[in-house]
PDB file of N, CA and C in Angstrom:
ATOM      1  N   UNK A   1      85.756 -57.484 -60.103  1.00  0.00           N
ATOM      2  CA  UNK A   1      86.669 -58.191 -58.634  1.00  0.00           C
ATOM      3  C   UNK A   1      86.251 -57.082 -57.506  1.00  0.00           C
ATOM      4  N   UNK A   2      86.289 -57.485 -55.959  1.00  0.00           N
ATOM      5  CA  UNK A   2      86.098 -57.137 -55.221  1.00  0.00           C
ATOM      6  C   UNK A   2      87.768 -57.269 -53.889  1.00  0.00           C
ATOM      7  N   UNK A   3      87.857 -55.705 -54.351  1.00  0.00           N
ATOM      8  CA  UNK A   3      89.406 -55.423 -53.183  1.00  0.00           C
ATOM      9  C   UNK A   3      89.077 -55.583 -51.558  1.00  0.00           C
ATOM     10  N   UNK A   4      87.880 -55.081 -51.127  1.00  0.00           N
ATOM     11  CA  UNK A   4      88.228 -55.122 -50.246  1.00  0.00           C
ATOM     12  C   UNK A   4      86.430 -55.326 -49.572  1.00  0.00           C
ATOM     13  N   UNK A   5      86.518 -55.591 -48.160  1.00  0.00           N
ATOM     14  CA  UNK A   5      85.006 -56.374 -47.735  1.00  0.00           C
ATOM     15  C   UNK A   5      84.563 -54.800 -47.617  1.00  0.00           C
ATOM     16  N   UNK A   6      83.179 -55.069 -48.176  1.00  0.00           N
ATOM     17  CA  UNK A   6      81.915 -53.559 -48.011  1.00  0.00           C
ATOM     18  C   UNK A   6      81.760 -53.800 -46.177  1.00  0.00           C
ATOM     19  N   UNK A   7      81.526 -52.400 -45.731  1.00  0.00           N
ATOM     20  CA  UNK A   7      80.621 -51.953 -44.563  1.00  0.00           C
ATOM     21  C   UNK A   7      79.670 -51.535 -44.750  1.00  0.00           C
ATOM     22  N   UNK A   8      79.319 -51.803 -43.176  1.00  0.00           N
ATOM     23  CA  UNK A   8      77.843 -51.274 -42.853  1.00  0.00           C
ATOM     24  C   UNK A   8      77.784 -49.989 -42.059  1.00  0.00           C
ATOM     25  N   UNK A   9      77.801 -48.669 -42.548  1.00  0.00           N
ATOM     26  CA  UNK A   9      77.620 -47.930 -41.447  1.00  0.00           C
ATOM     27  C   UNK A   9      76.743 -47.782 -40.799  1.00  0.00           C
ATOM     28  N   UNK A  10      75.737 -48.789 -40.918  1.00  0.00           N
ATOM     29  CA  UNK A  10      74.291 -48.364 -40.355  1.00  0.00           C
ATOM     30  C   UNK A  10      74.408 -49.758 -38.711  1.00  0.00           C
ATOM     31  N   UNK A  11      75.888 -50.137 -38.694  1.00  0.00           N
ATOM     32  CA  UNK A  11      75.998 -51.287 -37.869  1.00  0.00           C
ATOM     33  C   UNK A  11      76.760 -50.659 -36.922  1.00  0.00           C
ATOM     34  N   UNK A  12      77.510 -49.330 -36.930  1.00  0.00           N
ATOM     35  CA  UNK A  12      77.684 -48.829 -35.812  1.00  0.00           C
ATOM     36  C   UNK A  12      77.192 -48.366 -34.773  1.00  0.00           C
ATOM     37  N   UNK A  13      77.451 -48.800 -33.812  1.00  0.00           N
ATOM     38  CA  UNK A  13      77.024 -48.280 -32.325  1.00  0.00           C
ATOM     39  C   UNK A  13      76.573 -46.619 -32.900  1.00  0.00           C
ATOM     40  N   UNK A  14      77.244 -45.856 -32.460  1.00  0.00           N
ATOM     41  CA  UNK A  14      77.591 -44.586 -32.606  1.00  0.00           C
ATOM     42  C   UNK A  14      76.002 -44.150 -33.962  1.00  0.00           C
ATOM     43  N   UNK A  15      76.192 -44.409 -34.681  1.00  0.00           N
ATOM     44  CA  UNK A  15      75.840 -44.199 -36.112  1.00  0.00           C
ATOM     45  C   UNK A  15      74.161 -44.697 -35.416  1.00  0.00           C
ATOM     46  N   UNK A  16      73.823 -45.694 -35.112  1.00  0.00           N
ATOM     47  CA  UNK A  16      72.286 -46.354 -34.396  1.00  0.00           C
ATOM     48  C   UNK A  16      71.974 -45.154 -33.314  1.00  0.00           C
ATOM     49  N   UNK A  17      73.016 -45.090 -32.741  1.00  0.00           N
ATOM     50  CA  UNK A  17      72.194 -43.707 -31.248  1.00  0.00           C
ATOM     51  C   UNK A  17      71.903 -43.084 -32.143  1.00  0.00           C
ATOM     52  N   UNK A  18      72.460 -42.426 -33.037  1.00  0.00           N
ATOM     53  CA  UNK A  18      72.046 -40.997 -33.580  1.00  0.00           C
ATOM     54  C   UNK A  18      70.597 -41.208 -34.243  1.00  0.00           C
ATOM     55  N   UNK A  19      70.486 -42.198 -34.951  1.00  0.00           N
ATOM     56  CA  UNK A  19      69.798 -42.896 -36.404  1.00  0.00           C
ATOM     57  C   UNK A  19      68.272 -43.034 -35.882  1.00  0.00           C
ATOM     58  N   UNK A  20      68.252 -43.577 -34.489  1.00  0.00           N
ATOM     59  CA  UNK A  20      67.136 -44.534 -33.730  1.00  0.00           C
ATOM     60  C   UNK A  20      66.330 -43.569 -33.188  1.00  0.00           C
ATOM     61  N   UNK A  21      64.907 -43.347 -32.864  1.00  0.00           N
ATOM     62  CA  UNK A  21      64.391 -42.725 -31.649  1.00  0.00           C
ATOM     63  C   UNK A  21      64.519 -42.348 -30.283  1.00  0.00           C
ATOM     64  N   UNK A  22      64.448 -41.880 -30.024  1.00  0.00           N
ATOM     65  CA  UNK A  22      64.570 -41.508 -28.664  1.00  0.00           C
ATOM     66  C   UNK A  22      63.308 -41.835 -27.900  1.00  0.00           C
ATOM     67  N   UNK A  23      63.074 -42.822 -27.150  1.00  0.00           N
ATOM     68  CA  UNK A  23      61.526 -43.102 -26.764  1.00  0.00           C
ATOM     69  C   UNK A  23      61.241 -41.780 -25.556  1.00  0.00           C
ATOM     70  N   UNK A  24      60.508 -40.500 -25.836  1.00  0.00           N
ATOM     71  CA  UNK A  24      60.357 -39.788 -24.861  1.00  0.00           C
ATOM     72  C   UNK A  24      59.417 -39.668 -24.296  1.00  0.00           C
ATOM     73  N   UNK A  25      58.207 -40.431 -24.319  1.00  0.00           N
ATOM     74  CA  UNK A  25      57.213 -40.606 -23.699  1.00  0.00           C
ATOM     75  C   UNK A  25      56.410 -42.067 -24.190  1.00  0.00           C
ATOM     76  N   UNK A  26      55.150 -41.955 -22.948  1.00  0.00           N
ATOM     77  CA  UNK A  26      54.168 -42.810 -23.311  1.00  0.00           C
ATOM     78  C   UNK A  26      52.819 -42.273 -23.026  1.00  0.00           C
ATOM     79  N   UNK A  27      52.811 -41.037 -23.473  1.00  0.00           N
ATOM     80  CA  UNK A  27      51.951 -40.655 -23.545  1.00  0.00           C
ATOM     81  C   UNK A  27      50.121 -41.531 -24.176  1.00  0.00           C
ATOM     82  N   UNK A  28      49.260 -40.753 -24.251  1.00  0.00           N
ATOM     83  CA  UNK A  28      48.256 -41.926 -25.646  1.00  0.00           C
ATOM     84  C   UNK A  28      48.154 -40.404 -25.903  1.00  0.00           C
ATOM     85  N   UNK A  29      48.331 -39.809 -27.176  1.00  0.00           N
ATOM     86  CA  UNK A  29      48.132 -38.845 -28.037  1.00  0.00           C
ATOM     87  C   UNK A  29      46.962 -39.029 -28.253  1.00  0.00           C
ATOM     88  N   UNK A  30      46.168 -39.599 -28.481  1.00  0.00           N
ATOM     89  CA  UNK A  30      44.925 -39.939 -28.732  1.00  0.00           C
ATOM     90  C   UNK A  30      43.931 -39.405 -27.928  1.00  0.00           C
ATOM     91  N   UNK A  31      44.523 -38.976 -26.534  1.00  0.00           N
ATOM     92  CA  UNK A  31      43.593 -38.245 -25.316  1.00  0.00           C
ATOM     93  C   UNK A  31      44.102 -36.999 -25.622  1.00  0.00           C
ATOM     94  N   UNK A  32      45.836 -36.317 -26.065  1.00  0.00           N
ATOM     95  CA  UNK A  32      45.610 -34.983 -25.899  1.00  0.00           C
ATOM     96  C   UNK A  32      44.922 -33.991 -26.845  1.00  0.00           C
ATOM     97  N   UNK A  33      45.201 -32.880 -26.224  1.00  0.00           N
ATOM     98  CA  UNK A  33      44.726 -31.774 -27.352  1.00  0.00           C
ATOM     99  C   UNK A  33      45.330 -31.575 -28.940  1.00  0.00           C
ATOM    100  N   UNK A  34      45.042 -30.807 -29.660  1.00  0.00           N
ATOM    101  CA  UNK A  34      46.212 -30.552 -30.831  1.00  0.00           C
ATOM    102  C   UNK A  34      47.098 -29.273 -30.007  1.00  0.00           C
ATOM    103  N   UNK A  35      46.823 -28.738 -29.688  1.00  0.00           N
ATOM    104  CA  UNK A  35      47.830 -27.814 -29.264  1.00  0.00           C
ATOM    105  C   UNK A  35      49.218 -28.747 -27.973  1.00  0.00           C
ATOM    106  N   UNK A  36      48.715 -29.554 -27.444  1.00  0.00           N
ATOM    107  CA  UNK A  36      50.385 -30.525 -26.609  1.00  0.00           C
ATOM    108  C   UNK A  36      50.873 -31.611 -27.663  1.00  0.00           C
ATOM    109  N   UNK A  37      49.892 -31.813 -29.227  1.00  0.00           N
ATOM    110  CA  UNK A  37      50.119 -32.689 -29.970  1.00  0.00           C
ATOM    111  C   UNK A  37      51.215 -32.023 -30.265  1.00  0.00           C
ATOM    112  N   UNK A  38      50.402 -30.876 -30.821  1.00  0.00           N
ATOM    113  CA  UNK A  38      51.371 -29.579 -32.036  1.00  0.00           C
ATOM    114  C   UNK A  38      52.381 -29.946 -31.028  1.00  0.00           C
ATOM    115  N   UNK A  39      52.718 -29.481 -29.792  1.00  0.00           N
ATOM    116  CA  UNK A  39      54.134 -29.218 -29.058  1.00  0.00           C
ATOM    117  C   UNK A  39      55.059 -30.240 -28.546  1.00  0.00           C
ATOM    118  N   UNK A  40      54.371 -31.911 -29.102  1.00  0.00           N
ATOM    119  CA  UNK A  40      55.137 -32.847 -28.755  1.00  0.00           C
ATOM    120  C   UNK A  40      56.009 -32.626 -30.286  1.00  0.00           C
ATOM    121  N   UNK A  41      55.265 -32.504 -31.099  1.00  0.00           N
ATOM    122  CA  UNK A  41      55.805 -32.626 -32.693  1.00  0.00           C
ATOM    123  C   UNK A  41      57.016 -31.995 -33.106  1.00  0.00           C
ATOM    124  N   UNK A  42      56.499 -30.519 -32.725  1.00  0.00           N
ATOM    125  CA  UNK A  42      58.206 -29.062 -33.193  1.00  0.00           C
ATOM    126  C   UNK A  42      59.354 -29.961 -31.689  1.00  0.00           C
ATOM    127  N   UNK A  43      58.783 -30.194 -30.477  1.00  0.00           N
ATOM    128  CA  UNK A  43      59.764 -30.727 -29.678  1.00  0.00           C
ATOM    129  C   UNK A  43      60.597 -32.054 -30.805  1.00  0.00           C
ATOM    130  N   UNK A  44      59.675 -33.140 -30.620  1.00  0.00           N
ATOM    131  CA  UNK A  44      60.327 -34.319 -30.676  1.00  0.00           C
ATOM    132  C   UNK A  44      61.151 -34.268 -32.154  1.00  0.00           C
ATOM    133  N   UNK A  45      60.272 -33.804 -33.010  1.00  0.00           N
ATOM    134  CA  UNK A  45      60.769 -34.201 -34.111  1.00  0.00           C
ATOM    135  C   UNK A  45      61.599 -32.823 -35.085  1.00  0.00           C
ATOM    136  N   UNK A  46      61.065 -31.686 -35.329  1.00  0.00           N
ATOM    137  CA  UNK A  46      61.509 -30.902 -35.877  1.00  0.00           C
ATOM    138  C   UNK A  46      62.542 -30.135 -35.412  1.00  0.00           C
ATOM    139  N   UNK A  47      62.536 -29.455 -33.746  1.00  0.00           N
ATOM    140  CA  UNK A  47      64.090 -29.350 -33.391  1.00  0.00           C
ATOM    141  C   UNK A  47      65.006 -30.299 -33.689  1.00  0.00           C
ATOM    142  N   UNK A  48      64.876 -31.844 -33.407  1.00  0.00           N
ATOM    143  CA  UNK A  48      65.541 -32.863 -33.692  1.00  0.00           C
ATOM    144  C   UNK A  48      66.471 -32.621 -35.212  1.00  0.00           C
ATOM    145  N   UNK A  49      65.552 -32.551 -35.832  1.00  0.00           N
ATOM    146  CA  UNK A  49      65.779 -32.295 -37.306  1.00  0.00           C
ATOM    147  C   UNK A  49      66.567 -31.253 -37.962  1.00  0.00           C
ATOM    148  N   UNK A  50      66.610 -30.254 -37.245  1.00  0.00           N
ATOM    149  CA  UNK A  50      67.198 -28.777 -37.328  1.00  0.00           C
ATOM    150  C   UNK A  50      68.617 -28.912 -36.853  1.00  0.00           C
ATOM    151  N   UNK A  51      68.674 -30.054 -35.932  1.00  0.00           N
ATOM    152  CA  UNK A  51      70.260 -30.446 -35.463  1.00  0.00           C
ATOM    153  C   UNK A  51      70.839 -31.470 -36.752  1.00  0.00           C
ATOM    154  N   UNK A  52      70.627 -32.552 -37.033  1.00  0.00           N
ATOM    155  CA  UNK A  52      70.169 -33.394 -37.397  1.00  0.00           C
ATOM    156  C   UNK A  52      70.730 -32.906 -39.114  1.00  0.00           C
ATOM    157  N   UNK A  53      69.882 -32.267 -39.716  1.00  0.00           N
ATOM    158  CA  UNK A  53      69.891 -31.670 -41.312  1.00  0.00           C
ATOM    159  C   UNK A  53      71.600 -31.448 -41.726  1.00  0.00           C
ATOM    160  N   UNK A  54      72.166 -30.369 -40.738  1.00  0.00           N
ATOM    161  CA  UNK A  54      73.479 -29.813 -41.208  1.00  0.00           C
ATOM    162  C   UNK A  54      74.878 -30.718 -41.454  1.00  0.00           C
ATOM    163  N   UNK A  55      74.390 -32.098 -40.333  1.00  0.00           N
ATOM    164  CA  UNK A  55      75.227 -33.399 -40.927  1.00  0.00           C
ATOM    165  C   UNK A  55      75.305 -33.918 -41.603  1.00  0.00           C
ATOM    166  N   UNK A  56      73.611 -34.546 -42.426  1.00  0.00           N
ATOM    167  CA  UNK A  56      73.277 -35.194 -43.339  1.00  0.00           C
ATOM    168  C   UNK A  56      73.656 -34.538 -44.070  1.00  0.00           C
ATOM    169  N   UNK A  57      73.516 -33.294 -44.266  1.00  0.00           N
ATOM    170  CA  UNK A  57      73.774 -32.411 -45.799  1.00  0.00           C
ATOM    171  C   UNK A  57      75.471 -32.577 -46.487  1.00  0.00           C
ATOM    172  N   UNK A  58      76.088 -32.756 -45.289  1.00  0.00           N
ATOM    173  CA  UNK A  58      77.881 -32.568 -45.183  1.00  0.00           C
ATOM    174  C   UNK A  58      78.162 -34.127 -44.987  1.00  0.00           C
ATOM    175  N   UNK A  59      77.285 -34.975 -45.216  1.00  0.00           N
ATOM    176  CA  UNK A  59      78.122 -36.720 -45.414  1.00  0.00           C
ATOM    177  C   UNK A  59      77.186 -36.431 -47.197  1.00  0.00           C
ATOM    178  N   UNK A  60      76.012 -36.225 -47.227  1.00  0.00           N
ATOM    179  CA  UNK A  60      75.895 -35.995 -49.020  1.00  0.00           C
ATOM    180  C   UNK A  60      76.073 -35.965 -50.055  1.00  0.00           C
ATOM    181  N   UNK A  61      77.558 -35.054 -49.214  1.00  0.00           N
ATOM    182  CA  UNK A  61      78.282 -33.854 -50.892  1.00  0.00           C
ATOM    183  C   UNK A  61      79.370 -35.144 -50.393  1.00  0.00           C
TER     184      UNK A  61
END
């Protein structure tokens, strides 16, 4: 027996803004040096995940 309508939290605009990647660069990474690529990856992904992980852990509990 279904009591209520199931909701999809991923349809919430605020949620989508948080999980969708931001477009930060139009660089052609095939032409970048290893140092430039490493710096971009650390800044774009690692730092962002460090900010997001505490909230994701909280939501998982």
